[in-house]
N, C-alpha and C. Protein backbone atom coordinates (compact mmCIF):
# COMPACT_ATOMS: atom_id res chain seq x y z
N UNK A 1 81.41 118.59 94.73
CA UNK A 1 81.47 116.75 94.52
C UNK A 1 80.11 116.10 95.76
N UNK A 2 79.63 115.15 95.22
CA UNK A 2 78.67 114.30 95.76
C UNK A 2 79.12 113.36 96.79
N UNK A 3 78.85 113.03 98.18
CA UNK A 3 79.94 111.95 99.19
C UNK A 3 78.81 111.39 99.89
N UNK A 4 78.56 110.07 99.91
CA UNK A 4 77.97 109.49 100.76
C UNK A 4 78.98 108.67 101.88
N UNK A 5 79.41 109.03 102.53
CA UNK A 5 79.92 108.22 103.69
C UNK A 5 79.32 107.37 104.88
N UNK A 6 79.32 106.08 104.47
CA UNK A 6 78.97 105.32 105.81
C UNK A 6 79.39 105.01 106.66
N UNK A 7 78.78 104.45 107.43
CA UNK A 7 79.73 104.29 109.13
C UNK A 7 78.64 103.37 110.19
N UNK A 8 79.27 102.92 110.99
CA UNK A 8 79.04 101.78 111.76
C UNK A 8 78.71 100.72 111.59
N UNK A 9 79.62 100.03 110.67
CA UNK A 9 79.53 98.20 110.63
C UNK A 9 80.66 98.44 111.62
N UNK A 10 80.78 96.81 111.19
CA UNK A 10 81.39 95.84 112.38
C UNK A 10 81.06 94.50 112.82
N UNK A 11 81.43 93.96 113.83
CA UNK A 11 81.65 92.49 113.86
C UNK A 11 80.23 92.39 114.96
N UNK A 12 79.68 91.87 114.62
CA UNK A 12 78.52 91.54 115.95
C UNK A 12 77.78 89.98 116.01
N UNK A 13 77.54 89.54 117.30
CA UNK A 13 77.29 88.38 117.44
C UNK A 13 75.93 88.06 117.37
N UNK A 14 75.34 87.59 116.56
CA UNK A 14 73.71 86.97 116.35
C UNK A 14 72.71 87.06 117.44
N UNK A 15 71.79 87.82 116.71
CA UNK A 15 70.56 88.28 117.93
C UNK A 15 71.67 89.80 118.28
N UNK A 16 72.63 90.32 118.13
CA UNK A 16 72.90 91.82 118.61
C UNK A 16 72.35 92.66 117.61
N UNK A 17 72.70 93.89 117.54
CA UNK A 17 72.23 95.64 117.02
C UNK A 17 73.38 96.10 116.69
N UNK A 18 73.29 96.55 115.27
CA UNK A 18 74.22 97.73 115.14
C UNK A 18 73.30 98.83 114.33
N UNK A 19 73.94 99.86 114.33
CA UNK A 19 73.49 101.15 113.79
C UNK A 19 74.48 101.71 112.64
N UNK A 20 73.74 101.79 111.61
CA UNK A 20 74.69 102.67 110.47
C UNK A 20 73.76 103.59 110.07
N UNK A 21 74.94 104.43 109.92
CA UNK A 21 74.65 105.71 109.44
C UNK A 21 75.31 105.93 107.95
N UNK A 22 74.59 106.95 106.97
CA UNK A 22 75.19 107.61 105.97
C UNK A 22 74.98 109.03 106.15
N UNK A 23 76.06 109.56 106.00
CA UNK A 23 75.95 111.16 105.85
C UNK A 23 76.69 111.68 104.57
N UNK A 24 75.69 112.77 104.53
CA UNK A 24 75.95 113.18 102.45
C UNK A 24 76.32 114.50 103.20
N UNK A 25 77.14 114.59 101.60
CA UNK A 25 77.34 116.35 101.14
C UNK A 25 77.15 116.38 99.35
N UNK A 26 76.93 117.51 99.38
CA UNK A 26 76.99 117.85 98.01
C UNK A 26 75.71 117.87 96.93
N UNK A 27 74.53 117.25 97.81
CA UNK A 27 73.23 116.88 97.30
C UNK A 27 72.35 117.54 97.97
N UNK A 28 71.08 117.79 96.95
CA UNK A 28 69.76 118.73 97.60
C UNK A 28 68.99 117.37 98.79
N UNK A 29 69.78 116.71 100.34
CA UNK A 29 69.64 115.67 100.55
C UNK A 29 68.14 115.29 100.79
N UNK A 30 67.41 116.42 100.96
CA UNK A 30 65.91 116.63 101.36
C UNK A 30 65.14 116.14 100.31
N UNK A 31 65.40 116.53 98.88
CA UNK A 31 64.89 115.97 97.60
C UNK A 31 64.88 114.28 96.99
N UNK A 32 65.91 113.76 97.77
CA UNK A 32 66.16 112.82 97.42
C UNK A 32 65.77 111.12 98.37
N UNK A 33 65.27 110.39 97.10
CA UNK A 33 64.91 109.27 98.03
C UNK A 33 66.27 108.35 98.15
N UNK A 34 66.01 108.00 99.60
CA UNK A 34 67.65 107.23 100.35
C UNK A 34 67.08 105.90 100.53
N UNK A 35 68.29 105.04 100.36
CA UNK A 35 67.85 103.27 100.16
C UNK A 35 69.40 102.94 101.18
N UNK A 36 69.05 101.54 101.63
CA UNK A 36 70.07 100.90 102.03
C UNK A 36 70.20 99.99 101.25
N UNK A 37 71.25 98.82 100.76
CA UNK A 37 71.26 97.77 99.84
C UNK A 37 72.70 97.03 100.45
N UNK A 38 72.77 95.84 100.18
CA UNK A 38 73.58 95.25 100.81
C UNK A 38 74.32 94.17 99.42
N UNK A 39 75.43 93.46 99.87
CA UNK A 39 75.97 92.74 98.94
C UNK A 39 77.00 91.82 99.92
N UNK A 40 76.30 90.10 99.63
CA UNK A 40 77.10 89.50 100.14
C UNK A 40 78.15 88.93 99.00
N UNK A 41 79.17 88.32 99.70
CA UNK A 41 80.12 87.70 99.03
C UNK A 41 79.22 86.66 97.59
N UNK A 42 79.72 86.50 96.57
CA UNK A 42 78.97 86.19 95.71
C UNK A 42 77.69 85.73 95.27
N UNK A 43 76.70 86.89 95.57
CA UNK A 43 75.85 87.55 95.70
C UNK A 43 75.92 88.88 95.04
N UNK A 44 74.38 88.86 94.51
CA UNK A 44 74.03 90.43 93.85
C UNK A 44 73.80 91.38 94.82
N UNK A 45 73.87 92.64 94.62
CA UNK A 45 73.56 93.69 95.54
C UNK A 45 71.82 93.87 95.45
N UNK A 46 71.41 94.01 97.08
CA UNK A 46 69.71 93.70 97.22
C UNK A 46 69.57 94.66 97.92
N UNK A 47 68.32 95.12 97.75
CA UNK A 47 67.65 96.52 98.40
C UNK A 47 67.62 95.92 99.73
N UNK A 48 67.73 96.33 100.61
CA UNK A 48 67.73 96.66 102.61
C UNK A 48 66.09 97.60 102.72
N UNK A 49 66.28 98.48 102.55
CA UNK A 49 65.62 99.37 103.24
C UNK A 49 65.28 100.59 102.37
N UNK A 50 64.48 101.42 102.30
CA UNK A 50 64.30 102.92 101.58
C UNK A 50 63.42 103.60 102.12
N UNK A 51 63.60 104.93 102.38
CA UNK A 51 62.77 105.91 102.34
C UNK A 51 62.72 107.20 101.89
N UNK A 52 61.69 107.76 101.30
CA UNK A 52 61.19 108.47 100.51
C UNK A 52 61.28 110.19 101.13
N UNK A 53 61.53 110.94 100.30
CA UNK A 53 61.63 112.36 100.46
C UNK A 53 60.52 112.75 101.36
N UNK A 54 59.45 112.07 101.51
CA UNK A 54 57.98 112.29 102.79
C UNK A 54 58.25 111.15 103.12
N UNK A 55 59.61 110.43 103.83
CA UNK A 55 59.14 109.73 105.04
C UNK A 55 58.53 108.20 104.72
N UNK A 56 58.47 108.06 103.33
CA UNK A 56 57.42 106.90 103.41
C UNK A 56 58.69 105.53 102.92
N UNK A 57 58.52 104.39 104.15
CA UNK A 57 59.67 103.48 103.95
C UNK A 57 59.30 102.43 103.14
N UNK A 58 60.08 101.46 103.00
CA UNK A 58 59.69 100.08 102.70
C UNK A 58 61.13 99.50 102.68
N UNK A 59 60.61 98.12 102.93
CA UNK A 59 61.63 97.39 103.68
C UNK A 59 61.84 95.56 102.54
N UNK A 60 62.78 95.42 102.76
CA UNK A 60 62.90 94.08 101.90
C UNK A 60 62.15 93.05 103.02
N UNK A 61 61.87 91.46 102.75
CA UNK A 61 60.73 90.87 103.57
C UNK A 61 61.56 90.35 104.64
N UNK A 62 63.05 90.33 104.11
CA UNK A 62 64.22 89.28 105.25
C UNK A 62 64.24 90.42 106.20
N UNK A 63 64.17 91.37 106.30
CA UNK A 63 64.24 92.62 107.54
C UNK A 63 63.14 92.94 107.98
N UNK A 64 61.62 92.88 107.38
CA UNK A 64 60.84 93.59 108.30
C UNK A 64 60.68 93.02 110.07
N UNK A 65 60.86 93.80 110.44
CA UNK A 65 60.13 93.90 111.99
C UNK A 65 61.62 94.05 113.02
N UNK A 66 63.03 93.68 111.92
CA UNK A 66 64.11 93.62 112.71
C UNK A 66 64.64 95.15 112.47
N UNK A 67 64.84 95.76 111.04
CA UNK A 67 64.94 97.19 110.63
C UNK A 67 64.42 98.35 110.46
N UNK A 68 64.89 98.85 110.65
CA UNK A 68 64.38 100.94 110.69
C UNK A 68 65.40 101.54 110.31
N UNK A 69 64.43 102.17 109.04
CA UNK A 69 65.35 103.20 108.20
C UNK A 69 64.97 104.47 108.72
N UNK A 70 65.46 105.47 108.72
CA UNK A 70 65.08 106.88 109.44
C UNK A 70 66.09 107.53 108.43
N UNK A 71 65.91 109.07 108.51
CA UNK A 71 66.46 110.45 107.62
C UNK A 71 66.10 111.42 108.71
N UNK A 72 67.07 112.16 108.80
CA UNK A 72 66.89 113.45 109.32
C UNK A 72 68.16 114.69 108.28
N UNK A 73 66.70 114.99 107.93
CA UNK A 73 67.18 116.15 106.57
C UNK A 73 67.81 117.08 107.29
N UNK A 74 67.58 117.75 108.38
CA UNK A 74 68.78 118.90 108.86
C UNK A 74 69.87 118.38 109.06
N UNK A 75 70.29 116.77 109.39
CA UNK A 75 71.76 116.43 108.81
C UNK A 75 72.39 115.87 108.42
N UNK A 76 71.05 115.80 106.71
CA UNK A 76 71.70 114.94 106.05
C UNK A 76 72.37 113.97 106.06
N UNK A 77 71.27 113.20 106.88
CA UNK A 77 72.08 111.84 107.30
C UNK A 77 71.06 110.60 106.94
N UNK A 78 71.13 109.69 106.59
CA UNK A 78 70.52 108.58 106.75
C UNK A 78 70.98 107.02 107.63
N UNK A 79 69.68 106.62 108.54
CA UNK A 79 70.49 105.64 109.86
C UNK A 79 69.42 104.51 109.77
N UNK A 80 70.53 103.76 109.25
CA UNK A 80 69.70 101.96 109.76
C UNK A 80 70.07 101.47 111.11
N UNK A 81 68.90 100.94 111.69
CA UNK A 81 68.69 100.16 113.17
C UNK A 81 68.66 99.20 112.67
N UNK A 82 69.40 98.20 113.25
CA UNK A 82 69.27 96.63 113.10
C UNK A 82 69.54 95.65 113.92
N UNK A 83 68.56 95.10 114.40
CA UNK A 83 68.13 94.21 115.49
C UNK A 83 67.86 92.71 115.35
N UNK A 84 68.14 92.15 116.26
CA UNK A 84 67.92 90.89 115.74
C UNK A 84 68.61 90.28 114.72
N UNK A 85 70.05 90.40 114.79
CA UNK A 85 70.96 89.89 113.49
C UNK A 85 71.29 88.65 113.54
N UNK A 86 71.02 88.29 112.11
CA UNK A 86 71.00 87.19 111.89
C UNK A 86 72.84 86.38 111.58
N UNK A 87 73.41 85.65 110.99
CA UNK A 87 74.33 85.10 110.04
C UNK A 87 74.09 85.46 108.68
N UNK A 88 73.35 85.60 108.24
CA UNK A 88 72.81 85.76 106.81
C UNK A 88 72.86 87.22 106.76
N UNK A 89 72.77 88.18 107.73
CA UNK A 89 72.90 89.57 107.21
C UNK A 89 74.34 90.10 107.05
N UNK A 90 74.78 89.52 107.04
CA UNK A 90 76.49 89.78 106.86
C UNK A 90 76.52 90.18 105.39
N UNK A 91 77.16 90.93 105.07
CA UNK A 91 77.32 92.12 103.89
C UNK A 91 78.26 93.08 103.99
N UNK A 92 78.27 93.75 102.65
CA UNK A 92 78.71 95.08 102.97
C UNK A 92 77.49 95.85 102.68
N UNK A 93 77.29 97.21 103.28
CA UNK A 93 76.08 97.57 103.35
C UNK A 93 76.29 98.88 102.60
N UNK A 94 75.38 98.96 101.69
CA UNK A 94 75.84 100.77 101.12
C UNK A 94 74.56 101.10 100.92
N UNK A 95 74.91 102.82 100.68
CA UNK A 95 74.00 103.72 101.02
C UNK A 95 73.85 104.40 99.61
N UNK A 96 72.73 104.59 99.46
CA UNK A 96 72.21 105.12 97.87
C UNK A 96 71.37 106.32 98.93
N UNK A 97 71.68 107.10 97.16
CA UNK A 97 70.50 108.53 97.42
C UNK A 97 69.91 108.53 95.65
N UNK A 98 68.87 108.35 95.74
CA UNK A 98 68.41 108.57 94.23
C UNK A 98 67.71 109.93 94.18
N UNK A 99 67.79 110.48 93.07
CA UNK A 99 67.31 111.94 92.82
C UNK A 99 66.03 111.61 92.29
N UNK A 100 64.88 112.89 92.33
CA UNK A 100 64.06 112.11 91.84
C UNK A 100 63.82 112.36 90.03
N UNK A 101 64.50 112.82 89.30
CA UNK A 101 64.78 112.28 88.02
C UNK A 101 65.29 111.53 87.55
N UNK A 102 66.34 110.63 88.83
CA UNK A 102 66.55 109.20 88.57
C UNK A 102 67.71 109.05 88.72
N UNK A 103 68.72 109.64 88.40
CA UNK A 103 69.92 109.24 88.56
C UNK A 103 70.44 109.38 90.03
N UNK A 104 71.56 108.15 90.31
CA UNK A 104 71.69 108.11 91.99
C UNK A 104 73.13 107.73 92.12
N UNK A 105 73.53 108.16 93.79
CA UNK A 105 74.86 107.83 94.26
C UNK A 105 74.79 106.74 95.02
N UNK A 106 76.41 106.27 95.00
CA UNK A 106 76.72 105.44 96.03
C UNK A 106 77.63 105.65 97.14
N UNK A 107 77.59 105.28 98.39
CA UNK A 107 78.41 105.36 99.03
C UNK A 107 79.15 103.83 99.06
N UNK A 108 80.46 104.15 99.71
CA UNK A 108 81.67 103.27 99.49
C UNK A 108 81.46 101.86 100.16
N UNK A 109 80.50 101.72 100.98
CA UNK A 109 79.99 100.33 101.95
C UNK A 109 80.77 100.10 103.24
N UNK A 110 80.29 99.66 104.16
CA UNK A 110 80.69 99.67 105.31
C UNK A 110 80.27 97.72 105.89
N UNK A 111 81.28 97.25 106.32
CA UNK A 111 81.10 96.11 106.75
C UNK A 111 80.17 95.62 107.60
N UNK A 112 79.26 94.36 107.67
CA UNK A 112 78.72 93.97 108.79
C UNK A 112 78.60 92.67 108.66
N UNK A 113 79.62 92.09 109.87
CA UNK A 113 79.60 90.67 110.48
C UNK A 113 78.71 90.33 111.25
N UNK A 114 78.19 89.05 110.90
CA UNK A 114 77.15 88.66 112.39
C UNK A 114 77.87 87.28 112.29
N UNK A 115 78.57 86.94 113.70
CA UNK A 115 78.68 86.00 114.00
C UNK A 115 79.31 85.45 115.20
N UNK A 116 79.45 84.26 116.08
CA UNK A 116 79.62 83.83 117.28
C UNK A 116 81.13 83.58 117.12
């Protein structure tokens, strides 16, 4: 059974930092491209950052220079370091694992709220 479990969300003040983690099981983690997406109320889910099996990273323009995605194949985890958080970063953040053949899996999401 495939499981992606996100953790690390919470309430943080503007300018603060959070570290999200996604622990996976039931997949051959090292061959999957991993991504972080977010969905704010009333908005579509959008890509935040991704990292390929070869550690090539990609970031949405709105997080470049503030967020960093990394993976640990030995621990089957992917991490999103979020710095200089803004109120507009408030959303549910989802972990995604995409197989080279195209199918993907989603976590249940973790809430990030940036507010003073």
